[in-house]
Protein backbone atom coordinates (compact mmCIF):
# COMPACT_ATOMS: atom_id res chain seq x y z
CA MET A 1 -72.31 2.13 58.70
CA ARG A 2 -74.48 -0.22 57.16
CA ILE A 3 -76.61 -0.60 60.06
CA VAL A 4 -77.29 2.84 60.18
CA THR A 5 -78.23 2.91 56.70
CA ILE A 6 -80.54 -0.15 57.06
CA ILE A 7 -82.00 2.12 60.25
CA ILE A 8 -82.63 5.14 58.47
CA LEU A 9 -84.64 3.08 55.45
CA VAL A 10 -86.54 1.26 57.66
CA VAL A 11 -87.76 4.60 59.44
CA VAL A 12 -88.33 6.42 56.36
CA ALA A 13 -90.42 3.33 54.99
CA LEU A 14 -92.39 3.28 58.29
CA PHE A 15 -93.22 6.92 57.79
CA PHE A 16 -94.63 6.49 54.48
CA LEU A 17 -96.07 3.09 55.16
CA LEU A 18 -98.03 3.44 58.57
CA PRO A 19 -100.51 5.83 57.00
CA ILE A 20 -101.22 3.77 54.09
CA ILE A 21 -101.48 0.54 56.04
CA SER A 22 -103.81 1.70 58.67
CA GLY A 23 -106.03 2.78 56.07
CA ASN A 24 -106.11 6.69 56.59
CA ALA A 25 -104.34 7.33 53.41
CA PRO A 26 -105.96 5.34 50.60
CA LEU A 27 -103.78 5.00 47.61
CA PRO A 28 -104.82 7.12 44.89
CA GLU A 29 -106.71 5.31 41.74
CA ASP A 30 -105.93 7.99 39.55
CA ILE A 31 -104.01 11.41 39.08
CA SER A 32 -106.55 14.08 39.87
CA ALA A 33 -106.63 16.42 42.33
CA SER A 34 -109.33 15.29 44.74
CA GLU A 35 -107.41 11.86 45.03
CA ILE A 36 -104.06 13.36 45.70
CA GLY A 37 -105.64 15.76 47.98
CA GLY A 38 -107.09 12.78 49.89
CA PHE A 39 -104.14 10.73 49.96
CA ILE A 40 -102.15 13.85 51.13
CA GLY A 41 -104.72 15.04 53.92
CA GLY A 42 -105.05 11.32 55.17
CA PHE A 43 -101.10 11.13 55.33
CA ALA A 44 -101.58 14.49 57.52
CA ARG A 45 -104.13 13.45 59.43
CA TYR A 46 -102.64 10.33 60.55
CA TRP A 47 -99.39 11.62 61.88
CA ILE A 48 -101.29 14.74 63.11
CA ASP A 49 -103.11 12.31 65.13
CA ALA A 50 -100.27 10.14 66.12
CA LEU A 51 -98.22 13.24 67.36
CA ARG A 52 -101.29 14.51 69.48
CA SER A 53 -101.79 11.23 71.25
CA ALA A 54 -97.96 10.88 71.74
CA PHE A 55 -97.85 14.22 73.78
CA SER A 56 -101.28 13.82 75.44
């Protein structure tokens, strides 16, 4: 049971950290709408490109 929990935590961490590490989703410096939108847009753009390249 502990192995499954560790694997799930690693997968969730990779899901959130890969776009940030790659530079596609820069961390917002303040809580303005444009900063948050840039972060969410970069996050979504990263996973859309990743899925598109995986299935093509």
